[in-house]
Structure formats: C-alpha cells, structure tokens
PDB file of N, CA and C in Angstrom:
ATOM      1  N   MET A   1     114.370  80.449 125.892  1.00  0.00           N
ATOM      2  CA  MET A   1     114.312  81.702 125.456  1.00  0.00           C
ATOM      3  C   MET A   1     112.737  82.256 126.095  1.00  0.00           C
ATOM      4  N   GLY A   2     112.330  82.988 126.479  1.00  0.00           N
ATOM      5  CA  GLY A   2     111.059  83.690 126.612  1.00  0.00           C
ATOM      6  C   GLY A   2     110.852  85.140 127.155  1.00  0.00           C
ATOM      7  N   PRO A   3     109.662  85.514 127.314  1.00  0.00           N
ATOM      8  CA  PRO A   3     109.393  86.860 127.700  1.00  0.00           C
ATOM      9  C   PRO A   3     110.139  87.404 128.952  1.00  0.00           C
ATOM     10  N   GLY A   4     110.580  88.575 129.332  1.00  0.00           N
ATOM     11  CA  GLY A   4     111.436  88.834 130.380  1.00  0.00           C
ATOM     12  C   GLY A   4     111.533  90.491 130.446  1.00  0.00           C
ATOM     13  N   ILE A   5     112.479  90.787 131.346  1.00  0.00           N
ATOM     14  CA  ILE A   5     112.596  92.191 131.452  1.00  0.00           C
ATOM     15  C   ILE A   5     114.072  92.015 131.912  1.00  0.00           C
ATOM     16  N   GLY A   6     114.784  93.280 131.695  1.00  0.00           N
ATOM     17  CA  GLY A   6     116.407  93.355 132.128  1.00  0.00           C
ATOM     18  C   GLY A   6     116.790  94.745 132.486  1.00  0.00           C
ATOM     19  N   TYR A   7     117.948  94.933 133.004  1.00  0.00           N
ATOM     20  CA  TYR A   7     118.589  95.998 133.256  1.00  0.00           C
ATOM     21  C   TYR A   7     120.020  96.022 133.423  1.00  0.00           C
ATOM     22  N   GLN A   8     120.345  96.937 132.309  1.00  0.00           N
ATOM     23  CA  GLN A   8     121.831  97.228 131.983  1.00  0.00           C
ATOM     24  C   GLN A   8     122.536  98.405 132.921  1.00  0.00           C
ATOM     25  N   PRO A   9     123.201  98.216 133.883  1.00  0.00           N
ATOM     26  CA  PRO A   9     123.774  99.556 134.641  1.00  0.00           C
ATOM     27  C   PRO A   9     125.029  99.684 134.027  1.00  0.00           C
ATOM     28  N   TRP A  10     125.852  98.849 133.634  1.00  0.00           N
ATOM     29  CA  TRP A  10     127.284  99.221 132.705  1.00  0.00           C
ATOM     30  C   TRP A  10     126.987  98.986 131.299  1.00  0.00           C
ATOM     31  N   ASP A  11     127.350 100.033 130.226  1.00  0.00           N
ATOM     32  CA  ASP A  11     127.464  99.525 128.881  1.00  0.00           C
ATOM     33  C   ASP A  11     128.491 100.343 128.073  1.00  0.00           C
ATOM     34  N   ASP A  12     129.905 100.465 128.440  1.00  0.00           N
ATOM     35  CA  ASP A  12     130.585 101.331 128.048  1.00  0.00           C
ATOM     36  C   ASP A  12     131.778 100.527 127.192  1.00  0.00           C
ATOM     37  N   PRO A  13     132.437 101.099 126.496  1.00  0.00           N
ATOM     38  CA  PRO A  13     133.795 100.374 125.981  1.00  0.00           C
ATOM     39  C   PRO A  13     134.485  99.517 126.146  1.00  0.00           C
ATOM     40  N   ILE A  14     134.761  99.545 127.695  1.00  0.00           N
ATOM     41  CA  ILE A  14     135.519  98.666 128.353  1.00  0.00           C
ATOM     42  C   ILE A  14     134.692  97.499 128.969  1.00  0.00           C
ATOM     43  N   LYS A  15     133.459  97.842 129.834  1.00  0.00           N
ATOM     44  CA  LYS A  15     132.921  96.595 130.532  1.00  0.00           C
ATOM     45  C   LYS A  15     131.176  96.938 130.218  1.00  0.00           C
ATOM     46  N   SER A  16     130.587  96.001 130.368  1.00  0.00           N
ATOM     47  CA  SER A  16     129.116  95.841 130.278  1.00  0.00           C
ATOM     48  C   SER A  16     128.610  94.441 131.154  1.00  0.00           C
ATOM     49  N   LEU A  17     127.332  94.912 131.817  1.00  0.00           N
ATOM     50  CA  LEU A  17     126.493  94.086 132.683  1.00  0.00           C
ATOM     51  C   LEU A  17     125.483  94.236 132.601  1.00  0.00           C
ATOM     52  N   LEU A  18     124.640  93.180 132.309  1.00  0.00           N
ATOM     53  CA  LEU A  18     122.976  92.895 132.357  1.00  0.00           C
ATOM     54  C   LEU A  18     122.581  91.965 132.931  1.00  0.00           C
ATOM     55  N   PHE A  19     121.462  92.285 133.664  1.00  0.00           N
ATOM     56  CA  PHE A  19     120.344  91.423 134.638  1.00  0.00           C
ATOM     57  C   PHE A  19     119.007  91.140 133.948  1.00  0.00           C
ATOM     58  N   GLU A  20     118.666  90.074 133.967  1.00  0.00           N
ATOM     59  CA  GLU A  20     117.478  89.716 133.169  1.00  0.00           C
ATOM     60  C   GLU A  20     116.697  88.656 134.182  1.00  0.00           C
ATOM     61  N   VAL A  21     115.389  88.623 134.072  1.00  0.00           N
ATOM     62  CA  VAL A  21     114.700  87.923 134.673  1.00  0.00           C
ATOM     63  C   VAL A  21     113.259  87.518 133.853  1.00  0.00           C
ATOM     64  N   GLY A  22     112.711  86.402 133.827  1.00  0.00           N
ATOM     65  CA  GLY A  22     111.780  86.190 132.828  1.00  0.00           C
ATOM     66  C   GLY A  22     111.044  84.870 132.881  1.00  0.00           C
ATOM     67  N   LEU A  23     110.458  84.433 131.883  1.00  0.00           N
ATOM     68  CA  LEU A  23     109.739  82.962 131.538  1.00  0.00           C
ATOM     69  C   LEU A  23     110.536  82.193 130.761  1.00  0.00           C
ATOM     70  N   SER A  24     110.578  80.812 130.943  1.00  0.00           N
ATOM     71  CA  SER A  24     111.212  80.250 129.679  1.00  0.00           C
ATOM     72  C   SER A  24     110.415  78.926 129.613  1.00  0.00           C
ATOM     73  N   TYR A  25     110.382  78.466 128.589  1.00  0.00           N
ATOM     74  CA  TYR A  25     109.552  77.019 128.378  1.00  0.00           C
ATOM     75  C   TYR A  25     110.735  75.784 128.370  1.00  0.00           C
ATOM     76  N   PHE A  26     110.748  74.528 129.459  1.00  0.00           N
ATOM     77  CA  PHE A  26     111.524  73.645 129.488  1.00  0.00           C
ATOM     78  C   PHE A  26     111.142  72.313 128.884  1.00  0.00           C
ATOM     79  N   ASN A  27     111.721  71.419 128.332  1.00  0.00           N
ATOM     80  CA  ASN A  27     111.513  70.119 127.658  1.00  0.00           C
ATOM     81  C   ASN A  27     112.528  69.142 127.856  1.00  0.00           C
ATOM     82  N   TRP A  28     112.368  68.173 128.671  1.00  0.00           N
ATOM     83  CA  TRP A  28     113.336  67.329 129.059  1.00  0.00           C
ATOM     84  C   TRP A  28     112.870  65.671 128.247  1.00  0.00           C
ATOM     85  N   ASP A  29     114.079  65.626 127.254  1.00  0.00           N
ATOM     86  CA  ASP A  29     113.660  64.530 126.512  1.00  0.00           C
ATOM     87  C   ASP A  29     114.790  63.301 126.955  1.00  0.00           C
ATOM     88  N   ARG A  30     114.184  62.365 127.844  1.00  0.00           N
ATOM     89  CA  ARG A  30     115.103  61.628 128.414  1.00  0.00           C
ATOM     90  C   ARG A  30     115.209  60.174 127.615  1.00  0.00           C
ATOM     91  N   TYR A  31     116.312  59.457 127.764  1.00  0.00           N
ATOM     92  CA  TYR A  31     116.449  58.122 127.222  1.00  0.00           C
ATOM     93  C   TYR A  31     115.509  57.430 127.986  1.00  0.00           C
ATOM     94  N   GLU A  32     115.702  57.174 129.165  1.00  0.00           N
ATOM     95  CA  GLU A  32     114.941  56.167 129.873  1.00  0.00           C
ATOM     96  C   GLU A  32     113.910  56.991 130.820  1.00  0.00           C
ATOM     97  N   GLY A  33     112.872  56.560 130.840  1.00  0.00           N
ATOM     98  CA  GLY A  33     111.761  57.270 131.945  1.00  0.00           C
ATOM     99  C   GLY A  33     111.008  58.246 131.188  1.00  0.00           C
ATOM    100  N   LEU A  34     110.016  58.948 131.742  1.00  0.00           N
ATOM    101  CA  LEU A  34     108.983  59.685 131.183  1.00  0.00           C
ATOM    102  C   LEU A  34     109.598  61.188 130.617  1.00  0.00           C
ATOM    103  N   ASP A  35     109.330  61.409 129.330  1.00  0.00           N
ATOM    104  CA  ASP A  35     109.599  62.947 129.185  1.00  0.00           C
ATOM    105  C   ASP A  35     108.934  64.025 129.715  1.00  0.00           C
ATOM    106  N   GLU A  36     109.391  65.133 130.036  1.00  0.00           N
ATOM    107  CA  GLU A  36     108.989  66.427 130.849  1.00  0.00           C
ATOM    108  C   GLU A  36     108.996  67.344 130.143  1.00  0.00           C
ATOM    109  N   HIS A  37     107.872  68.245 130.374  1.00  0.00           N
ATOM    110  CA  HIS A  37     107.911  69.818 129.884  1.00  0.00           C
ATOM    111  C   HIS A  37     107.113  70.889 130.629  1.00  0.00           C
ATOM    112  N   GLY A  38     107.280  71.897 130.756  1.00  0.00           N
ATOM    113  CA  GLY A  38     106.650  72.958 131.408  1.00  0.00           C
ATOM    114  C   GLY A  38     107.062  74.312 131.374  1.00  0.00           C
ATOM    115  N   ILE A  39     106.870  75.012 132.340  1.00  0.00           N
ATOM    116  CA  ILE A  39     107.351  76.466 132.592  1.00  0.00           C
ATOM    117  C   ILE A  39     108.278  76.539 133.434  1.00  0.00           C
ATOM    118  N   SER A  40     109.138  77.503 133.190  1.00  0.00           N
ATOM    119  CA  SER A  40     110.228  77.852 134.371  1.00  0.00           C
ATOM    120  C   SER A  40     110.566  79.453 134.238  1.00  0.00           C
ATOM    121  N   THR A  41     111.061  79.751 135.384  1.00  0.00           N
ATOM    122  CA  THR A  41     111.439  81.193 135.508  1.00  0.00           C
ATOM    123  C   THR A  41     112.856  81.232 134.918  1.00  0.00           C
ATOM    124  N   ARG A  42     113.401  82.409 134.984  1.00  0.00           N
ATOM    125  CA  ARG A  42     114.810  82.533 134.363  1.00  0.00           C
ATOM    126  C   ARG A  42     115.170  83.896 135.008  1.00  0.00           C
ATOM    127  N   VAL A  43     116.486  83.660 135.498  1.00  0.00           N
ATOM    128  CA  VAL A  43     117.268  84.671 136.018  1.00  0.00           C
ATOM    129  C   VAL A  43     118.717  84.522 136.011  1.00  0.00           C
ATOM    130  N   GLY A  44     119.193  85.632 135.471  1.00  0.00           N
ATOM    131  CA  GLY A  44     120.700  85.697 134.889  1.00  0.00           C
ATOM    132  C   GLY A  44     121.043  86.911 134.722  1.00  0.00           C
ATOM    133  N   PHE A  45     122.358  86.968 134.461  1.00  0.00           N
ATOM    134  CA  PHE A  45     123.480  87.992 133.958  1.00  0.00           C
ATOM    135  C   PHE A  45     124.356  87.911 133.012  1.00  0.00           C
ATOM    136  N   ASP A  46     124.819  88.768 132.510  1.00  0.00           N
ATOM    137  CA  ASP A  46     125.621  88.708 131.344  1.00  0.00           C
ATOM    138  C   ASP A  46     126.976  89.903 131.800  1.00  0.00           C
ATOM    139  N   PHE A  47     128.214  89.616 131.902  1.00  0.00           N
ATOM    140  CA  PHE A  47     129.079  90.346 132.079  1.00  0.00           C
ATOM    141  C   PHE A  47     130.141  90.451 131.017  1.00  0.00           C
ATOM    142  N   GLY A  48     130.805  91.341 130.659  1.00  0.00           N
ATOM    143  CA  GLY A  48     131.577  91.756 129.564  1.00  0.00           C
ATOM    144  C   GLY A  48     132.834  92.566 129.855  1.00  0.00           C
ATOM    145  N   TYR A  49     134.062  92.113 129.738  1.00  0.00           N
ATOM    146  CA  TYR A  49     135.091  93.196 130.045  1.00  0.00           C
ATOM    147  C   TYR A  49     136.364  93.058 129.000  1.00  0.00           C
ATOM    148  N   ASN A  50     136.296  94.402 128.489  1.00  0.00           N
ATOM    149  CA  ASN A  50     137.564  94.167 127.299  1.00  0.00           C
ATOM    150  C   ASN A  50     139.046  94.209 127.963  1.00  0.00           C
ATOM    151  N   LEU A  51     139.363  93.191 127.891  1.00  0.00           N
ATOM    152  CA  LEU A  51     141.075  92.916 128.583  1.00  0.00           C
ATOM    153  C   LEU A  51     141.878  94.223 127.909  1.00  0.00           C
ATOM    154  N   PHE A  52     142.045  93.591 126.374  1.00  0.00           N
ATOM    155  CA  PHE A  52     143.041  94.611 125.618  1.00  0.00           C
ATOM    156  C   PHE A  52     141.954  94.855 124.456  1.00  0.00           C
ATOM    157  N   ASN A  53     142.871  95.682 123.749  1.00  0.00           N
ATOM    158  CA  ASN A  53     141.935  96.609 122.331  1.00  0.00           C
ATOM    159  C   ASN A  53     141.528  94.878 121.596  1.00  0.00           C
ATOM    160  N   TRP A  54     142.055  93.962 121.736  1.00  0.00           N
ATOM    161  CA  TRP A  54     141.767  92.745 120.787  1.00  0.00           C
ATOM    162  C   TRP A  54     141.101  91.455 121.833  1.00  0.00           C
ATOM    163  N   LEU A  55     141.070  91.564 122.857  1.00  0.00           N
ATOM    164  CA  LEU A  55     140.555  90.481 124.018  1.00  0.00           C
ATOM    165  C   LEU A  55     139.534  90.788 124.665  1.00  0.00           C
ATOM    166  N   THR A  56     138.373  90.426 124.802  1.00  0.00           N
ATOM    167  CA  THR A  56     137.214  90.390 125.779  1.00  0.00           C
ATOM    168  C   THR A  56     136.940  89.194 126.107  1.00  0.00           C
ATOM    169  N   LEU A  57     136.763  89.301 127.502  1.00  0.00           N
ATOM    170  CA  LEU A  57     135.924  88.274 128.504  1.00  0.00           C
ATOM    171  C   LEU A  57     134.759  88.565 128.697  1.00  0.00           C
ATOM    172  N   THR A  58     133.944  87.444 128.361  1.00  0.00           N
ATOM    173  CA  THR A  58     132.650  87.500 128.447  1.00  0.00           C
ATOM    174  C   THR A  58     132.165  86.399 129.480  1.00  0.00           C
ATOM    175  N   ASP A  59     131.007  86.526 130.083  1.00  0.00           N
ATOM    176  CA  ASP A  59     130.351  85.533 131.039  1.00  0.00           C
ATOM    177  C   ASP A  59     129.082  85.547 131.581  1.00  0.00           C
ATOM    178  N   ARG A  60     128.285  84.656 131.258  1.00  0.00           N
ATOM    179  CA  ARG A  60     127.012  84.634 131.104  1.00  0.00           C
ATOM    180  C   ARG A  60     126.351  83.621 132.107  1.00  0.00           C
ATOM    181  N   TYR A  61     125.599  83.700 133.097  1.00  0.00           N
ATOM    182  CA  TYR A  61     125.238  82.804 134.167  1.00  0.00           C
ATOM    183  C   TYR A  61     123.554  82.918 133.988  1.00  0.00           C
ATOM    184  N   VAL A  62     122.977  81.797 134.019  1.00  0.00           N
ATOM    185  CA  VAL A  62     121.540  81.993 134.122  1.00  0.00           C
ATOM    186  C   VAL A  62     120.977  80.798 134.888  1.00  0.00           C
ATOM    187  N   LEU A  63     119.992  81.100 135.546  1.00  0.00           N
ATOM    188  CA  LEU A  63     119.259  80.211 136.616  1.00  0.00           C
ATOM    189  C   LEU A  63     117.818  79.715 136.293  1.00  0.00           C
ATOM    190  N   TYR A  64     117.376  78.439 136.024  1.00  0.00           N
ATOM    191  CA  TYR A  64     116.046  78.253 135.362  1.00  0.00           C
ATOM    192  C   TYR A  64     115.400  77.349 136.606  1.00  0.00           C
ATOM    193  N   PRO A  65     115.038  77.963 137.696  1.00  0.00           N
ATOM    194  CA  PRO A  65     114.028  77.264 138.276  1.00  0.00           C
ATOM    195  C   PRO A  65     112.801  76.964 137.919  1.00  0.00           C
ATOM    196  N   THR A  66     112.216  75.565 137.877  1.00  0.00           N
ATOM    197  CA  THR A  66     111.183  75.088 137.377  1.00  0.00           C
ATOM    198  C   THR A  66     110.008  75.480 138.295  1.00  0.00           C
ATOM    199  N   VAL A  67     108.890  75.836 137.858  1.00  0.00           N
ATOM    200  CA  VAL A  67     107.510  75.925 138.430  1.00  0.00           C
ATOM    201  C   VAL A  67     106.882  74.922 138.582  1.00  0.00           C
ATOM    202  N   GLY A  68     106.364  74.623 140.236  1.00  0.00           N
ATOM    203  CA  GLY A  68     105.737  73.321 140.257  1.00  0.00           C
ATOM    204  C   GLY A  68     106.268  72.075 140.029  1.00  0.00           C
ATOM    205  N   LYS A  69     107.505  72.032 139.778  1.00  0.00           N
ATOM    206  CA  LYS A  69     108.233  70.820 139.959  1.00  0.00           C
ATOM    207  C   LYS A  69     109.057  70.315 141.182  1.00  0.00           C
ATOM    208  N   GLY A  70     108.670  70.735 142.080  1.00  0.00           N
ATOM    209  CA  GLY A  70     109.320  70.423 143.361  1.00  0.00           C
ATOM    210  C   GLY A  70     110.839  70.945 143.515  1.00  0.00           C
ATOM    211  N   GLY A  71     111.309  71.977 143.495  1.00  0.00           N
ATOM    212  CA  GLY A  71     112.643  72.431 143.495  1.00  0.00           C
ATOM    213  C   GLY A  71     113.576  71.836 142.538  1.00  0.00           C
ATOM    214  N   ILE A  72     113.177  71.301 141.152  1.00  0.00           N
ATOM    215  CA  ILE A  72     114.293  71.286 140.135  1.00  0.00           C
ATOM    216  C   ILE A  72     114.693  72.614 139.491  1.00  0.00           C
ATOM    217  N   PHE A  73     115.911  72.652 139.305  1.00  0.00           N
ATOM    218  CA  PHE A  73     116.460  73.801 138.574  1.00  0.00           C
ATOM    219  C   PHE A  73     117.678  73.500 137.713  1.00  0.00           C
ATOM    220  N   PHE A  74     117.853  74.156 136.866  1.00  0.00           N
ATOM    221  CA  PHE A  74     119.349  73.881 135.749  1.00  0.00           C
ATOM    222  C   PHE A  74     120.159  75.427 136.248  1.00  0.00           C
ATOM    223  N   LEU A  75     121.203  75.149 136.026  1.00  0.00           N
ATOM    224  CA  LEU A  75     122.172  76.434 136.301  1.00  0.00           C
ATOM    225  C   LEU A  75     122.988  76.139 135.074  1.00  0.00           C
ATOM    226  N   ARG A  76     123.159  77.303 134.333  1.00  0.00           N
ATOM    227  CA  ARG A  76     123.972  77.246 132.816  1.00  0.00           C
ATOM    228  C   ARG A  76     125.087  78.592 133.043  1.00  0.00           C
ATOM    229  N   ASN A  77     126.242  78.200 132.787  1.00  0.00           N
ATOM    230  CA  ASN A  77     127.234  79.094 132.872  1.00  0.00           C
ATOM    231  C   ASN A  77     127.980  79.067 131.292  1.00  0.00           C
ATOM    232  N   GLU A  78     128.373  80.066 130.749  1.00  0.00           N
ATOM    233  CA  GLU A  78     129.168  79.946 129.805  1.00  0.00           C
ATOM    234  C   GLU A  78     129.966  81.365 129.515  1.00  0.00           C
ATOM    235  N   ALA A  79     131.378  80.863 129.778  1.00  0.00           N
ATOM    236  CA  ALA A  79     132.249  82.077 129.987  1.00  0.00           C
ATOM    237  C   ALA A  79     133.548  81.751 128.578  1.00  0.00           C
ATOM    238  N   ALA A  80     133.704  83.104 127.977  1.00  0.00           N
ATOM    239  CA  ALA A  80     134.423  83.017 126.619  1.00  0.00           C
ATOM    240  C   ALA A  80     135.534  83.958 126.585  1.00  0.00           C
ATOM    241  N   LEU A  81     136.420  83.863 126.048  1.00  0.00           N
ATOM    242  CA  LEU A  81     137.654  84.647 125.843  1.00  0.00           C
ATOM    243  C   LEU A  81     137.252  85.063 124.213  1.00  0.00           C
ATOM    244  N   ASN A  82     137.099  86.158 123.711  1.00  0.00           N
ATOM    245  CA  ASN A  82     136.814  86.614 121.983  1.00  0.00           C
ATOM    246  C   ASN A  82     137.687  87.510 121.843  1.00  0.00           C
ATOM    247  N   ILE A  83     138.244  87.079 120.593  1.00  0.00           N
ATOM    248  CA  ILE A  83     139.078  88.082 119.653  1.00  0.00           C
ATOM    249  C   ILE A  83     138.404  88.338 118.261  1.00  0.00           C
ATOM    250  N   PRO A  84     137.910  89.451 118.057  1.00  0.00           N
ATOM    251  CA  PRO A  84     137.381  89.610 116.306  1.00  0.00           C
ATOM    252  C   PRO A  84     138.648  89.531 115.659  1.00  0.00           C
ATOM    253  N   TRP A  85     138.109  89.016 114.463  1.00  0.00           N
ATOM    254  CA  TRP A  85     138.932  88.903 113.451  1.00  0.00           C
ATOM    255  C   TRP A  85     139.652  90.147 112.848  1.00  0.00           C
ATOM    256  N   GLU A  86     139.259  91.052 112.786  1.00  0.00           N
ATOM    257  CA  GLU A  86     139.525  92.593 112.754  1.00  0.00           C
ATOM    258  C   GLU A  86     140.844  93.130 113.421  1.00  0.00           C
ATOM    259  N   LYS A  87     140.897  92.564 114.719  1.00  0.00           N
ATOM    260  CA  LYS A  87     141.883  92.877 115.990  1.00  0.00           C
ATOM    261  C   LYS A  87     142.689  92.219 116.055  1.00  0.00           C
ATOM    262  N   PHE A  88     142.788  90.879 115.103  1.00  0.00           N
ATOM    263  CA  PHE A  88     143.676  89.958 115.814  1.00  0.00           C
ATOM    264  C   PHE A  88     145.023  90.070 115.675  1.00  0.00           C
ATOM    265  N   PRO A  89     145.933  90.213 116.727  1.00  0.00           N
ATOM    266  CA  PRO A  89     147.315  90.471 116.567  1.00  0.00           C
ATOM    267  C   PRO A  89     148.101  89.461 115.522  1.00  0.00           C
ATOM    268  N   LEU A  90     148.602  89.934 114.429  1.00  0.00           N
ATOM    269  CA  LEU A  90     149.456  89.241 113.542  1.00  0.00           C
ATOM    270  C   LEU A  90     150.564  89.479 113.715  1.00  0.00           C
TER     271      LEU A  90
END
C-alpha cells in the first residue's frame, strides 16, 4: 500500500469498477541470497458484480513494476465469490 489516485467509472447495486495507480514499498526477505527492498509503482483494478441478490463476484488485479531494478515486477490477482451472512439462502 502507498499513496495513489483512482477512478471509479461504475458504482451501482449491480456492478462496480475501480482503477488505481500509485507508489508502493516492496521488501523481499529471501531464504537464500541478499534481501532487497525499494519503491515500486502500482497499477490495478477492482471489479465487482452482483450475480444474485445473495452472491457477488469480485476480482482484483494489481501489477507492481519495480523502479530501478531492471524489469522485475509482481502481478497479484484475487478473485472471490462472496455471500453475506444476512443473505445466505437457507
């Protein structure tokens, strides 16, 4: 996490979409070899879609290209199906 800006073109009860860019700090604690740390940029988006009244699909992609480390980057994806307890169909 770190400072950044974002833009949210959709945010309604059915769907949401958020884009973000910013800076982040990274720290590699390696088992073997030298540990590294520094600054990376962050580019990502969050998407959410209400499939049913009780089930929501969410997906988050974030790319962390490092600054000054010769093209090293991390890509993180988190996808989930969420069911709120109060809407759980019994």
